[in-house]
Amino acid sequence: MEFVANNKEIENKFLSTANAQSVPDLSSTGFHPLKHNFVFWYTRRTPGVRTQTSYEDNIKKIVEFSTVEAFWVCYCHLARPSSLPSPTDLHLFKEGIRPLWEDSANCSGGKWIIRFKKVISGRFWEDLVLALVGDQLDYGDDICGAVLSIRFNEDILSVWNRNASDQHAVMALRDSIKRHLKLPHSYVMEYKPHDASLRDNSSYRNTWLRG
């Protein structure tokens, strides 16, 4: 398990009650390994400020983990979504996959999108994180990761998968997300392939495959 070191801004915003050095190393043997290793990332940009800095340069690693015990230590020290500023993205991705459309694991895939009122998004995010870490979603090997996008008027959850052209897997993933999050029938899920996001430079506009 590795925390980003020597960055007080990261620690203050994303580690709620302890700094990086106080979290024990749980990467040794004798613990309960997860099926996949995971990494928490975050992206934070100043609203209204346009710079030449690429999106990739703004993505920062918070922590990586590979066991049940390490996950709970990490998760308990992460700041709650409700305490984070807007706009911020929290990413939970399998190790070796960067939360970028262009990553080789993501470039042929897409994402399911769910929009939430800000007061309830944290609970659904936690349920999604637990389902992902516990490999509870159908077609789990096809899942790359999940993102919580904290915005001014709403928060957006998205689940990224590897293959946007496999309609059966895409729809089965949608149904599995609905079941595990116990989404009310009034919630609409939207899907968008990453190549479409690259074309219009937007994650959440011009979505399709609603369900």
N, C-alpha and C. Protein backbone atom coordinates (compact mmCIF):
# COMPACT_ATOMS: atom_id res chain seq x y z
N MET A 1 0.85 -1.18 0.00
CA MET A 1 0.00 0.00 0.00
C MET A 1 0.88 1.23 0.00
N GLU A 2 0.59 2.17 -0.87
CA GLU A 2 1.45 3.34 -1.00
C GLU A 2 0.61 4.60 -1.05
N PHE A 3 0.86 5.52 -0.15
CA PHE A 3 0.20 6.82 -0.18
C PHE A 3 1.07 7.81 -0.94
N VAL A 4 0.43 8.76 -1.59
CA VAL A 4 1.17 9.87 -2.17
C VAL A 4 1.83 10.63 -1.03
N ALA A 5 3.11 10.85 -1.13
CA ALA A 5 3.86 11.45 -0.02
C ALA A 5 4.17 12.91 -0.28
N ASN A 6 4.39 13.66 0.82
CA ASN A 6 4.90 15.02 0.76
C ASN A 6 4.01 15.96 -0.06
N ASN A 7 2.72 15.80 0.02
CA ASN A 7 1.82 16.72 -0.66
C ASN A 7 0.71 17.07 0.32
N LYS A 8 0.88 18.16 1.04
CA LYS A 8 -0.05 18.51 2.11
C LYS A 8 -1.43 18.84 1.57
N GLU A 9 -1.50 19.39 0.36
CA GLU A 9 -2.81 19.71 -0.21
C GLU A 9 -3.62 18.44 -0.42
N ILE A 10 -2.97 17.40 -0.95
CA ILE A 10 -3.66 16.12 -1.14
C ILE A 10 -4.10 15.56 0.20
N GLU A 11 -3.20 15.55 1.18
CA GLU A 11 -3.53 15.00 2.48
C GLU A 11 -4.70 15.75 3.11
N ASN A 12 -4.68 17.06 3.06
CA ASN A 12 -5.72 17.86 3.71
C ASN A 12 -7.09 17.64 3.07
N LYS A 13 -7.14 17.46 1.76
CA LYS A 13 -8.42 17.34 1.06
C LYS A 13 -8.96 15.92 1.05
N PHE A 14 -8.07 14.92 1.02
CA PHE A 14 -8.53 13.58 0.77
C PHE A 14 -8.25 12.60 1.89
N LEU A 15 -7.46 12.98 2.89
CA LEU A 15 -7.26 12.15 4.06
C LEU A 15 -7.87 12.87 5.24
N SER A 16 -8.91 12.27 5.82
CA SER A 16 -9.76 13.04 6.72
C SER A 16 -9.19 13.22 8.12
N THR A 17 -8.63 12.17 8.72
CA THR A 17 -8.28 12.28 10.13
C THR A 17 -6.84 11.92 10.44
N ALA A 18 -6.09 11.45 9.47
CA ALA A 18 -4.70 11.08 9.72
C ALA A 18 -3.87 11.41 8.50
N ASN A 19 -2.61 11.74 8.71
CA ASN A 19 -1.78 11.98 7.53
C ASN A 19 -1.24 10.66 7.00
N ALA A 20 -0.59 10.73 5.86
CA ALA A 20 -0.21 9.51 5.17
C ALA A 20 0.70 8.62 6.01
N GLN A 21 1.55 9.22 6.82
CA GLN A 21 2.53 8.42 7.53
C GLN A 21 1.92 7.62 8.69
N SER A 22 0.70 7.94 9.12
CA SER A 22 0.11 7.26 10.27
C SER A 22 -0.65 6.01 9.89
N VAL A 23 -0.80 5.76 8.59
CA VAL A 23 -1.56 4.59 8.15
C VAL A 23 -0.62 3.41 8.03
N PRO A 24 -0.91 2.28 8.69
CA PRO A 24 0.02 1.15 8.68
C PRO A 24 0.10 0.49 7.33
N ASP A 25 1.22 -0.19 7.07
CA ASP A 25 1.41 -0.93 5.83
C ASP A 25 0.75 -2.30 5.98
N LEU A 26 -0.27 -2.55 5.16
CA LEU A 26 -0.99 -3.82 5.22
C LEU A 26 -0.76 -4.64 3.96
N SER A 27 0.36 -4.43 3.30
CA SER A 27 0.61 -5.12 2.04
C SER A 27 1.28 -6.47 2.23
N SER A 28 1.62 -6.82 3.47
CA SER A 28 2.33 -8.06 3.71
C SER A 28 1.35 -9.24 3.67
N THR A 29 1.92 -10.45 3.72
CA THR A 29 1.10 -11.66 3.67
C THR A 29 0.31 -11.82 4.96
N GLY A 30 -0.68 -12.71 4.94
CA GLY A 30 -1.48 -12.97 6.12
C GLY A 30 -2.80 -12.24 6.13
N PHE A 31 -3.09 -11.46 5.10
CA PHE A 31 -4.35 -10.75 4.99
C PHE A 31 -5.18 -11.38 3.86
N HIS A 32 -6.34 -10.81 3.64
CA HIS A 32 -7.28 -11.40 2.67
C HIS A 32 -7.15 -10.67 1.34
N PRO A 33 -6.54 -11.31 0.35
CA PRO A 33 -6.32 -10.63 -0.92
C PRO A 33 -7.61 -10.41 -1.70
N LEU A 34 -7.69 -9.29 -2.39
CA LEU A 34 -8.80 -9.02 -3.29
C LEU A 34 -8.54 -9.69 -4.63
N LYS A 35 -9.58 -9.90 -5.41
CA LYS A 35 -9.39 -10.49 -6.74
C LYS A 35 -8.55 -9.57 -7.61
N HIS A 36 -8.76 -8.25 -7.46
CA HIS A 36 -8.01 -7.27 -8.24
C HIS A 36 -7.36 -6.27 -7.28
N ASN A 37 -6.19 -5.77 -7.64
CA ASN A 37 -5.60 -4.65 -6.93
C ASN A 37 -6.23 -3.36 -7.45
N PHE A 38 -6.37 -2.37 -6.57
CA PHE A 38 -7.05 -1.13 -6.93
C PHE A 38 -6.22 0.08 -6.55
N VAL A 39 -6.56 1.21 -7.20
CA VAL A 39 -5.93 2.49 -6.90
C VAL A 39 -7.02 3.56 -6.82
N PHE A 40 -6.99 4.37 -5.76
CA PHE A 40 -7.80 5.58 -5.68
C PHE A 40 -7.00 6.74 -6.28
N TRP A 41 -7.65 7.52 -7.14
CA TRP A 41 -7.07 8.71 -7.74
C TRP A 41 -8.03 9.88 -7.47
N TYR A 42 -7.54 11.10 -7.73
CA TYR A 42 -8.44 12.24 -7.71
C TYR A 42 -8.00 13.25 -8.76
N THR A 43 -8.96 14.05 -9.21
CA THR A 43 -8.71 15.15 -10.13
C THR A 43 -9.38 16.39 -9.57
N ARG A 44 -8.64 17.46 -9.46
CA ARG A 44 -9.17 18.72 -8.94
C ARG A 44 -8.62 19.86 -9.78
N ARG A 45 -9.52 20.64 -10.39
CA ARG A 45 -9.10 21.81 -11.14
C ARG A 45 -9.83 23.03 -10.62
N THR A 46 -9.18 24.18 -10.71
CA THR A 46 -9.78 25.42 -10.21
C THR A 46 -10.90 25.87 -11.14
N PRO A 47 -12.12 26.06 -10.61
CA PRO A 47 -13.24 26.48 -11.47
C PRO A 47 -12.94 27.79 -12.17
N GLY A 48 -13.27 27.84 -13.46
CA GLY A 48 -13.15 29.07 -14.22
C GLY A 48 -11.75 29.40 -14.69
N VAL A 49 -10.76 28.57 -14.34
CA VAL A 49 -9.38 28.83 -14.74
C VAL A 49 -9.01 27.88 -15.86
N ARG A 50 -8.64 28.41 -17.00
CA ARG A 50 -8.22 27.61 -18.14
C ARG A 50 -6.70 27.70 -18.27
N THR A 51 -6.06 26.54 -18.26
CA THR A 51 -4.61 26.50 -18.42
C THR A 51 -4.26 25.50 -19.50
N GLN A 52 -3.00 25.42 -19.84
CA GLN A 52 -2.52 24.46 -20.83
C GLN A 52 -2.23 23.10 -20.21
N THR A 53 -2.41 22.99 -18.91
CA THR A 53 -2.14 21.73 -18.24
C THR A 53 -3.12 20.67 -18.72
N SER A 54 -2.61 19.52 -19.10
CA SER A 54 -3.47 18.46 -19.61
C SER A 54 -4.25 17.82 -18.48
N TYR A 55 -5.35 17.15 -18.86
CA TYR A 55 -6.16 16.46 -17.86
C TYR A 55 -5.33 15.39 -17.16
N GLU A 56 -4.48 14.72 -17.92
CA GLU A 56 -3.65 13.67 -17.33
C GLU A 56 -2.74 14.21 -16.24
N ASP A 57 -2.24 15.42 -16.44
CA ASP A 57 -1.36 16.03 -15.44
C ASP A 57 -2.09 16.35 -14.15
N ASN A 58 -3.41 16.51 -14.22
CA ASN A 58 -4.20 16.84 -13.04
C ASN A 58 -4.64 15.62 -12.23
N ILE A 59 -4.45 14.43 -12.77
CA ILE A 59 -4.85 13.21 -12.07
C ILE A 59 -3.74 12.81 -11.10
N LYS A 60 -4.10 12.68 -9.83
CA LYS A 60 -3.12 12.35 -8.80
C LYS A 60 -3.52 11.06 -8.08
N LYS A 61 -2.54 10.22 -7.85
CA LYS A 61 -2.79 8.98 -7.10
C LYS A 61 -2.88 9.29 -5.61
N ILE A 62 -3.90 8.73 -4.95
CA ILE A 62 -4.03 8.87 -3.50
C ILE A 62 -3.43 7.66 -2.80
N VAL A 63 -3.92 6.46 -3.17
CA VAL A 63 -3.51 5.25 -2.45
C VAL A 63 -3.82 4.04 -3.31
N GLU A 64 -3.03 2.98 -3.14
CA GLU A 64 -3.31 1.70 -3.79
C GLU A 64 -3.44 0.62 -2.72
N PHE A 65 -4.18 -0.44 -3.02
CA PHE A 65 -4.39 -1.50 -2.03
C PHE A 65 -4.70 -2.81 -2.75
N SER A 66 -4.46 -3.91 -2.04
CA SER A 66 -4.65 -5.23 -2.65
C SER A 66 -5.32 -6.23 -1.72
N THR A 67 -5.62 -5.82 -0.49
CA THR A 67 -6.27 -6.72 0.47
C THR A 67 -7.51 -6.05 1.07
N VAL A 68 -8.37 -6.88 1.66
CA VAL A 68 -9.57 -6.37 2.32
C VAL A 68 -9.18 -5.41 3.44
N GLU A 69 -8.19 -5.82 4.23
CA GLU A 69 -7.80 -5.01 5.37
C GLU A 69 -7.22 -3.65 4.93
N ALA A 70 -6.40 -3.67 3.88
CA ALA A 70 -5.82 -2.43 3.39
C ALA A 70 -6.90 -1.50 2.84
N PHE A 71 -7.91 -2.09 2.17
CA PHE A 71 -8.99 -1.26 1.66
C PHE A 71 -9.68 -0.50 2.79
N TRP A 72 -10.01 -1.18 3.88
CA TRP A 72 -10.76 -0.52 4.94
C TRP A 72 -9.92 0.54 5.64
N VAL A 73 -8.62 0.31 5.78
CA VAL A 73 -7.77 1.35 6.35
C VAL A 73 -7.75 2.56 5.43
N CYS A 74 -7.59 2.31 4.12
CA CYS A 74 -7.58 3.42 3.16
C CYS A 74 -8.91 4.16 3.19
N TYR A 75 -10.00 3.41 3.09
CA TYR A 75 -11.30 4.03 2.93
C TYR A 75 -11.70 4.84 4.16
N CYS A 76 -11.37 4.34 5.33
CA CYS A 76 -11.72 5.04 6.56
C CYS A 76 -10.95 6.35 6.71
N HIS A 77 -9.82 6.47 6.03
CA HIS A 77 -9.04 7.70 6.12
C HIS A 77 -9.32 8.67 4.99
N LEU A 78 -10.09 8.26 4.02
CA LEU A 78 -10.43 9.17 2.93
C LEU A 78 -11.51 10.14 3.37
N ALA A 79 -11.40 11.37 2.93
CA ALA A 79 -12.44 12.35 3.22
C ALA A 79 -13.74 11.95 2.53
N ARG A 80 -14.87 12.25 3.16
CA ARG A 80 -16.18 11.93 2.58
C ARG A 80 -16.44 12.84 1.37
N PRO A 81 -17.16 12.32 0.38
CA PRO A 81 -17.44 13.14 -0.81
C PRO A 81 -18.11 14.48 -0.51
N SER A 82 -18.97 14.50 0.51
CA SER A 82 -19.68 15.74 0.83
C SER A 82 -18.76 16.85 1.31
N SER A 83 -17.54 16.50 1.72
CA SER A 83 -16.61 17.51 2.23
C SER A 83 -15.66 18.01 1.15
N LEU A 84 -15.76 17.47 -0.07
CA LEU A 84 -14.83 17.83 -1.13
C LEU A 84 -15.38 18.98 -1.97
N PRO A 85 -14.51 19.83 -2.47
CA PRO A 85 -14.97 20.98 -3.27
C PRO A 85 -15.40 20.56 -4.66
N SER A 86 -16.13 21.44 -5.31
CA SER A 86 -16.57 21.23 -6.68
C SER A 86 -15.80 22.18 -7.60
N PRO A 87 -15.33 21.71 -8.75
CA PRO A 87 -15.45 20.36 -9.30
C PRO A 87 -14.27 19.46 -8.88
N THR A 88 -14.57 18.25 -8.47
CA THR A 88 -13.58 17.25 -8.11
C THR A 88 -14.05 15.90 -8.64
N ASP A 89 -13.12 15.08 -9.08
CA ASP A 89 -13.41 13.70 -9.46
C ASP A 89 -12.63 12.76 -8.56
N LEU A 90 -13.32 11.76 -8.00
CA LEU A 90 -12.68 10.65 -7.31
C LEU A 90 -12.75 9.44 -8.23
N HIS A 91 -11.63 8.76 -8.39
CA HIS A 91 -11.57 7.60 -9.28
C HIS A 91 -11.13 6.37 -8.48
N LEU A 92 -11.78 5.25 -8.71
CA LEU A 92 -11.34 3.96 -8.18
C LEU A 92 -11.17 3.03 -9.37
N PHE A 93 -9.91 2.69 -9.70
CA PHE A 93 -9.64 1.88 -10.88
C PHE A 93 -8.74 0.70 -10.53
N LYS A 94 -8.89 -0.35 -11.31
CA LYS A 94 -8.00 -1.49 -11.15
C LYS A 94 -6.56 -1.05 -11.41
N GLU A 95 -5.65 -1.66 -10.68
CA GLU A 95 -4.24 -1.32 -10.82
C GLU A 95 -3.79 -1.55 -12.27
N GLY A 96 -3.04 -0.61 -12.78
CA GLY A 96 -2.55 -0.71 -14.15
C GLY A 96 -3.43 -0.02 -15.17
N ILE A 97 -4.60 0.47 -14.74
CA ILE A 97 -5.50 1.19 -15.64
C ILE A 97 -5.60 2.63 -15.16
N ARG A 98 -5.22 3.55 -15.99
CA ARG A 98 -5.34 4.97 -15.64
C ARG A 98 -6.75 5.45 -15.95
N PRO A 99 -7.30 6.36 -15.16
CA PRO A 99 -8.67 6.86 -15.41
C PRO A 99 -8.70 7.87 -16.54
N LEU A 100 -8.32 7.40 -17.73
CA LEU A 100 -8.25 8.23 -18.93
C LEU A 100 -8.94 7.50 -20.07
N TRP A 101 -9.67 8.23 -20.90
CA TRP A 101 -10.32 7.62 -22.06
C TRP A 101 -9.30 6.92 -22.96
N GLU A 102 -8.10 7.48 -23.07
CA GLU A 102 -7.11 6.99 -24.02
C GLU A 102 -6.35 5.77 -23.53
N ASP A 103 -6.48 5.40 -22.24
CA ASP A 103 -5.76 4.24 -21.73
C ASP A 103 -6.13 3.00 -22.54
N SER A 104 -5.17 2.11 -22.76
CA SER A 104 -5.41 0.95 -23.62
C SER A 104 -6.54 0.07 -23.12
N ALA A 105 -6.78 0.03 -21.82
CA ALA A 105 -7.87 -0.77 -21.27
C ALA A 105 -9.22 -0.10 -21.45
N ASN A 106 -9.22 1.22 -21.64
CA ASN A 106 -10.48 1.99 -21.72
C ASN A 106 -10.87 2.39 -23.13
N CYS A 107 -9.92 2.48 -24.05
CA CYS A 107 -10.16 3.18 -25.32
C CYS A 107 -11.26 2.55 -26.17
N SER A 108 -11.51 1.25 -26.02
CA SER A 108 -12.60 0.61 -26.78
C SER A 108 -13.88 0.50 -25.96
N GLY A 109 -13.88 1.04 -24.78
CA GLY A 109 -15.01 0.89 -23.87
C GLY A 109 -15.86 2.13 -23.75
N GLY A 110 -16.57 2.19 -22.62
CA GLY A 110 -17.43 3.33 -22.35
C GLY A 110 -17.80 3.33 -20.88
N LYS A 111 -18.88 4.05 -20.55
CA LYS A 111 -19.26 4.13 -19.14
C LYS A 111 -20.76 4.30 -18.98
N TRP A 112 -21.27 3.67 -17.94
CA TRP A 112 -22.64 3.92 -17.48
C TRP A 112 -22.62 5.11 -16.54
N ILE A 113 -23.61 5.98 -16.67
CA ILE A 113 -23.66 7.25 -15.95
C ILE A 113 -24.96 7.35 -15.17
N ILE A 114 -24.86 7.76 -13.91
CA ILE A 114 -26.03 7.99 -13.07
C ILE A 114 -25.86 9.33 -12.37
N ARG A 115 -26.88 10.17 -12.43
CA ARG A 115 -26.83 11.50 -11.83
C ARG A 115 -27.61 11.49 -10.51
N PHE A 116 -27.04 12.11 -9.47
CA PHE A 116 -27.64 12.11 -8.15
C PHE A 116 -27.70 13.52 -7.58
N LYS A 117 -28.70 13.73 -6.73
CA LYS A 117 -28.69 14.93 -5.90
C LYS A 117 -27.52 14.83 -4.93
N LYS A 118 -26.94 15.97 -4.60
CA LYS A 118 -25.71 15.98 -3.83
C LYS A 118 -25.87 15.38 -2.43
N VAL A 119 -27.05 15.50 -1.87
CA VAL A 119 -27.23 15.03 -0.49
C VAL A 119 -27.23 13.51 -0.37
N ILE A 120 -27.40 12.79 -1.47
CA ILE A 120 -27.48 11.34 -1.39
C ILE A 120 -26.37 10.62 -2.15
N SER A 121 -25.55 11.36 -2.87
CA SER A 121 -24.57 10.71 -3.73
C SER A 121 -23.54 9.90 -2.96
N GLY A 122 -23.17 10.36 -1.75
CA GLY A 122 -22.14 9.67 -0.98
C GLY A 122 -22.52 8.25 -0.65
N ARG A 123 -23.79 8.03 -0.32
CA ARG A 123 -24.23 6.66 0.02
C ARG A 123 -24.14 5.74 -1.18
N PHE A 124 -24.58 6.22 -2.35
CA PHE A 124 -24.52 5.39 -3.55
C PHE A 124 -23.07 5.16 -3.98
N TRP A 125 -22.21 6.15 -3.82
CA TRP A 125 -20.80 5.97 -4.13
C TRP A 125 -20.19 4.89 -3.25
N GLU A 126 -20.50 4.91 -1.97
CA GLU A 126 -19.96 3.89 -1.08
C GLU A 126 -20.45 2.50 -1.47
N ASP A 127 -21.72 2.37 -1.79
CA ASP A 127 -22.24 1.08 -2.22
C ASP A 127 -21.56 0.60 -3.49
N LEU A 128 -21.30 1.53 -4.41
CA LEU A 128 -20.63 1.17 -5.66
C LEU A 128 -19.18 0.75 -5.40
N VAL A 129 -18.48 1.46 -4.54
CA VAL A 129 -17.10 1.11 -4.20
C VAL A 129 -17.04 -0.29 -3.61
N LEU A 130 -17.94 -0.60 -2.69
CA LEU A 130 -17.94 -1.92 -2.05
C LEU A 130 -18.24 -3.01 -3.07
N ALA A 131 -19.16 -2.75 -3.99
CA ALA A 131 -19.48 -3.75 -5.01
C ALA A 131 -18.31 -3.97 -5.95
N LEU A 132 -17.59 -2.90 -6.26
CA LEU A 132 -16.46 -3.02 -7.17
C LEU A 132 -15.29 -3.74 -6.51
N VAL A 133 -14.95 -3.34 -5.31
CA VAL A 133 -13.84 -3.96 -4.60
C VAL A 133 -14.14 -5.43 -4.29
N GLY A 134 -15.39 -5.72 -3.96
CA GLY A 134 -15.79 -7.08 -3.65
C GLY A 134 -16.11 -7.94 -4.86
N ASP A 135 -15.91 -7.40 -6.07
CA ASP A 135 -16.15 -8.13 -7.32
C ASP A 135 -17.57 -8.70 -7.35
N GLN A 136 -18.55 -7.85 -7.01
CA GLN A 136 -19.94 -8.28 -6.92
C GLN A 136 -20.75 -7.98 -8.18
N LEU A 137 -20.23 -7.16 -9.07
CA LEU A 137 -20.98 -6.79 -10.26
C LEU A 137 -20.78 -7.83 -11.36
N ASP A 138 -21.82 -8.08 -12.14
CA ASP A 138 -21.72 -9.01 -13.27
C ASP A 138 -20.71 -8.48 -14.28
N TYR A 139 -20.05 -9.42 -14.98
CA TYR A 139 -19.01 -9.07 -15.95
C TYR A 139 -17.93 -8.22 -15.29
N GLY A 140 -17.55 -8.65 -14.08
CA GLY A 140 -16.56 -7.89 -13.32
C GLY A 140 -15.23 -7.75 -14.00
N ASP A 141 -14.82 -8.75 -14.79
CA ASP A 141 -13.54 -8.67 -15.49
C ASP A 141 -13.56 -7.62 -16.59
N ASP A 142 -14.76 -7.24 -17.03
CA ASP A 142 -14.91 -6.23 -18.07
C ASP A 142 -14.91 -4.81 -17.50
N ILE A 143 -14.99 -4.69 -16.17
CA ILE A 143 -15.04 -3.38 -15.52
C ILE A 143 -13.63 -2.85 -15.31
N CYS A 144 -13.43 -1.59 -15.65
CA CYS A 144 -12.13 -0.94 -15.46
C CYS A 144 -12.07 -0.16 -14.15
N GLY A 145 -13.18 0.51 -13.81
CA GLY A 145 -13.19 1.32 -12.61
C GLY A 145 -14.45 2.14 -12.51
N ALA A 146 -14.47 3.04 -11.55
CA ALA A 146 -15.64 3.89 -11.30
C ALA A 146 -15.17 5.29 -10.93
N VAL A 147 -16.06 6.25 -11.18
CA VAL A 147 -15.72 7.66 -10.92
C VAL A 147 -16.90 8.33 -10.22
N LEU A 148 -16.60 9.15 -9.23
CA LEU A 148 -17.58 10.06 -8.65
C LEU A 148 -17.17 11.47 -9.05
N SER A 149 -18.01 12.14 -9.84
CA SER A 149 -17.75 13.50 -10.28
C SER A 149 -18.60 14.45 -9.45
N ILE A 150 -17.94 15.24 -8.62
CA ILE A 150 -18.60 16.19 -7.74
C ILE A 150 -18.73 17.51 -8.47
N ARG A 151 -19.97 17.94 -8.69
CA ARG A 151 -20.22 19.15 -9.45
C ARG A 151 -21.07 20.11 -8.63
N PHE A 152 -21.33 21.29 -9.17
CA PHE A 152 -22.01 22.33 -8.40
C PHE A 152 -23.45 21.96 -8.08
N ASN A 153 -24.19 21.46 -9.05
CA ASN A 153 -25.63 21.22 -8.88
C ASN A 153 -26.00 19.77 -8.73
N GLU A 154 -25.07 18.86 -8.99
CA GLU A 154 -25.34 17.43 -8.90
C GLU A 154 -24.03 16.69 -8.79
N ASP A 155 -24.09 15.42 -8.41
CA ASP A 155 -22.94 14.54 -8.43
C ASP A 155 -23.24 13.41 -9.41
N ILE A 156 -22.22 12.90 -10.07
CA ILE A 156 -22.41 11.92 -11.13
C ILE A 156 -21.53 10.71 -10.86
N LEU A 157 -22.14 9.53 -10.83
CA LEU A 157 -21.40 8.29 -10.73
C LEU A 157 -21.28 7.67 -12.11
N SER A 158 -20.13 7.11 -12.41
CA SER A 158 -19.97 6.40 -13.67
C SER A 158 -19.15 5.14 -13.45
N VAL A 159 -19.51 4.09 -14.18
CA VAL A 159 -18.80 2.82 -14.15
C VAL A 159 -18.24 2.57 -15.54
N TRP A 160 -16.93 2.40 -15.64
CA TRP A 160 -16.25 2.25 -16.92
C TRP A 160 -16.07 0.77 -17.25
N ASN A 161 -16.33 0.41 -18.51
CA ASN A 161 -16.09 -0.97 -18.94
C ASN A 161 -15.21 -0.99 -20.18
N ARG A 162 -14.69 -2.17 -20.53
CA ARG A 162 -13.66 -2.29 -21.55
C ARG A 162 -14.20 -2.29 -22.98
N ASN A 163 -15.43 -2.79 -23.19
CA ASN A 163 -15.89 -3.06 -24.55
C ASN A 163 -17.28 -2.49 -24.78
N ALA A 164 -17.34 -1.34 -25.43
CA ALA A 164 -18.63 -0.70 -25.68
C ALA A 164 -19.44 -1.41 -26.75
N SER A 165 -18.80 -2.23 -27.56
CA SER A 165 -19.51 -2.90 -28.66
C SER A 165 -20.18 -4.20 -28.24
N ASP A 166 -19.87 -4.71 -27.06
CA ASP A 166 -20.51 -5.93 -26.55
C ASP A 166 -21.81 -5.53 -25.85
N GLN A 167 -22.89 -5.49 -26.62
CA GLN A 167 -24.15 -4.99 -26.10
C GLN A 167 -24.69 -5.83 -24.95
N HIS A 168 -24.50 -7.14 -25.04
CA HIS A 168 -24.99 -8.01 -23.96
C HIS A 168 -24.28 -7.69 -22.65
N ALA A 169 -22.96 -7.55 -22.69
CA ALA A 169 -22.20 -7.25 -21.48
C ALA A 169 -22.54 -5.86 -20.95
N VAL A 170 -22.71 -4.90 -21.86
CA VAL A 170 -23.03 -3.53 -21.45
C VAL A 170 -24.37 -3.49 -20.72
N MET A 171 -25.38 -4.15 -21.27
CA MET A 171 -26.70 -4.12 -20.66
C MET A 171 -26.75 -4.95 -19.38
N ALA A 172 -26.00 -6.06 -19.35
CA ALA A 172 -25.95 -6.86 -18.12
C ALA A 172 -25.28 -6.08 -16.99
N LEU A 173 -24.26 -5.28 -17.34
CA LEU A 173 -23.62 -4.45 -16.33
C LEU A 173 -24.60 -3.41 -15.81
N ARG A 174 -25.37 -2.80 -16.69
CA ARG A 174 -26.39 -1.84 -16.27
C ARG A 174 -27.34 -2.47 -15.25
N ASP A 175 -27.85 -3.66 -15.56
CA ASP A 175 -28.80 -4.31 -14.66
C ASP A 175 -28.16 -4.66 -13.33
N SER A 176 -26.89 -5.07 -13.36
CA SER A 176 -26.19 -5.41 -12.13
C SER A 176 -25.98 -4.18 -11.26
N ILE A 177 -25.63 -3.05 -11.87
CA ILE A 177 -25.48 -1.80 -11.11
C ILE A 177 -26.80 -1.41 -10.46
N LYS A 178 -27.88 -1.51 -11.21
CA LYS A 178 -29.19 -1.17 -10.66
C LYS A 178 -29.52 -2.02 -9.44
N ARG A 179 -29.25 -3.33 -9.55
CA ARG A 179 -29.56 -4.23 -8.43
C ARG A 179 -28.73 -3.92 -7.20
N HIS A 180 -27.43 -3.76 -7.38
CA HIS A 180 -26.56 -3.57 -6.22
C HIS A 180 -26.72 -2.21 -5.57
N LEU A 181 -27.06 -1.20 -6.34
CA LEU A 181 -27.30 0.12 -5.76
C LEU A 181 -28.74 0.32 -5.32
N LYS A 182 -29.59 -0.65 -5.68
CA LYS A 182 -31.03 -0.55 -5.36
C LYS A 182 -31.59 0.78 -5.85
N LEU A 183 -31.33 1.07 -7.11
CA LEU A 183 -31.75 2.33 -7.68
C LEU A 183 -33.27 2.40 -7.81
N PRO A 184 -33.89 3.49 -7.41
CA PRO A 184 -35.33 3.67 -7.65
C PRO A 184 -35.62 3.64 -9.15
N HIS A 185 -36.83 3.22 -9.50
CA HIS A 185 -37.20 3.10 -10.91
C HIS A 185 -37.13 4.45 -11.63
N SER A 186 -37.24 5.53 -10.89
CA SER A 186 -37.24 6.86 -11.52
C SER A 186 -35.86 7.27 -12.02
N TYR A 187 -34.81 6.57 -11.60
CA TYR A 187 -33.46 6.95 -12.02
C TYR A 187 -33.17 6.43 -13.42
N VAL A 188 -32.64 7.31 -14.25
CA VAL A 188 -32.28 6.96 -15.62
C VAL A 188 -30.77 6.79 -15.71
N MET A 189 -30.35 5.68 -16.30
CA MET A 189 -28.93 5.46 -16.54
C MET A 189 -28.62 5.77 -18.00
N GLU A 190 -27.48 6.40 -18.21
CA GLU A 190 -27.05 6.79 -19.56
C GLU A 190 -25.72 6.11 -19.86
N TYR A 191 -25.50 5.83 -21.14
CA TYR A 191 -24.23 5.20 -21.53
C TYR A 191 -23.55 6.07 -22.59
N LYS A 192 -22.21 6.11 -22.50
CA LYS A 192 -21.45 6.84 -23.51
C LYS A 192 -20.13 6.14 -23.78
N PRO A 193 -19.86 5.78 -25.04
CA PRO A 193 -18.55 5.21 -25.37
C PRO A 193 -17.45 6.27 -25.23
N HIS A 194 -16.26 5.82 -24.90
CA HIS A 194 -15.16 6.77 -24.70
C HIS A 194 -14.73 7.43 -26.01
N ASP A 195 -14.88 6.73 -27.15
CA ASP A 195 -14.50 7.38 -28.40
C ASP A 195 -15.42 8.56 -28.70
N ALA A 196 -16.69 8.47 -28.26
CA ALA A 196 -17.59 9.62 -28.41
C ALA A 196 -17.18 10.75 -27.48
N SER A 197 -16.73 10.41 -26.28
CA SER A 197 -16.24 11.44 -25.36
C SER A 197 -15.01 12.15 -25.93
N LEU A 198 -14.15 11.39 -26.58
CA LEU A 198 -12.97 12.00 -27.21
C LEU A 198 -13.36 12.94 -28.34
N ARG A 199 -14.39 12.56 -29.11
CA ARG A 199 -14.79 13.38 -30.24
C ARG A 199 -15.37 14.72 -29.81
N ASP A 200 -16.22 14.69 -28.77
CA ASP A 200 -16.84 15.96 -28.35
C ASP A 200 -16.23 16.54 -27.08
N ASN A 201 -15.14 15.90 -26.61
CA ASN A 201 -14.40 16.41 -25.44
C ASN A 201 -15.31 16.62 -24.24
N SER A 202 -16.18 15.67 -24.01
CA SER A 202 -17.11 15.76 -22.88
C SER A 202 -17.47 14.36 -22.39
N SER A 203 -17.50 14.22 -21.07
CA SER A 203 -17.87 12.93 -20.48
C SER A 203 -19.36 12.71 -20.46
N TYR A 204 -20.16 13.77 -20.31
CA TYR A 204 -21.55 13.58 -19.94
C TYR A 204 -22.56 14.18 -20.91
N ARG A 205 -22.11 14.79 -22.01
CA ARG A 205 -23.04 15.26 -23.03
C ARG A 205 -23.24 14.18 -24.09
N ASN A 206 -24.40 14.24 -24.77
CA ASN A 206 -24.66 13.38 -25.92
C ASN A 206 -24.55 11.89 -25.59
N THR A 207 -25.15 11.51 -24.47
CA THR A 207 -25.12 10.10 -24.08
C THR A 207 -26.17 9.31 -24.86
N TRP A 208 -26.07 7.95 -24.78
CA TRP A 208 -27.02 7.10 -25.49
C TRP A 208 -27.23 5.82 -24.68
N LEU A 209 -28.01 4.92 -25.25
CA LEU A 209 -28.36 3.67 -24.57
C LEU A 209 -28.92 3.93 -23.17
N ARG A 210 -29.94 4.75 -23.11
CA ARG A 210 -30.56 5.04 -21.81
C ARG A 210 -31.34 3.83 -21.34
N GLY A 211 -31.39 3.67 -20.00
CA GLY A 211 -32.15 2.53 -19.49
C GLY A 211 -32.36 2.62 -18.01
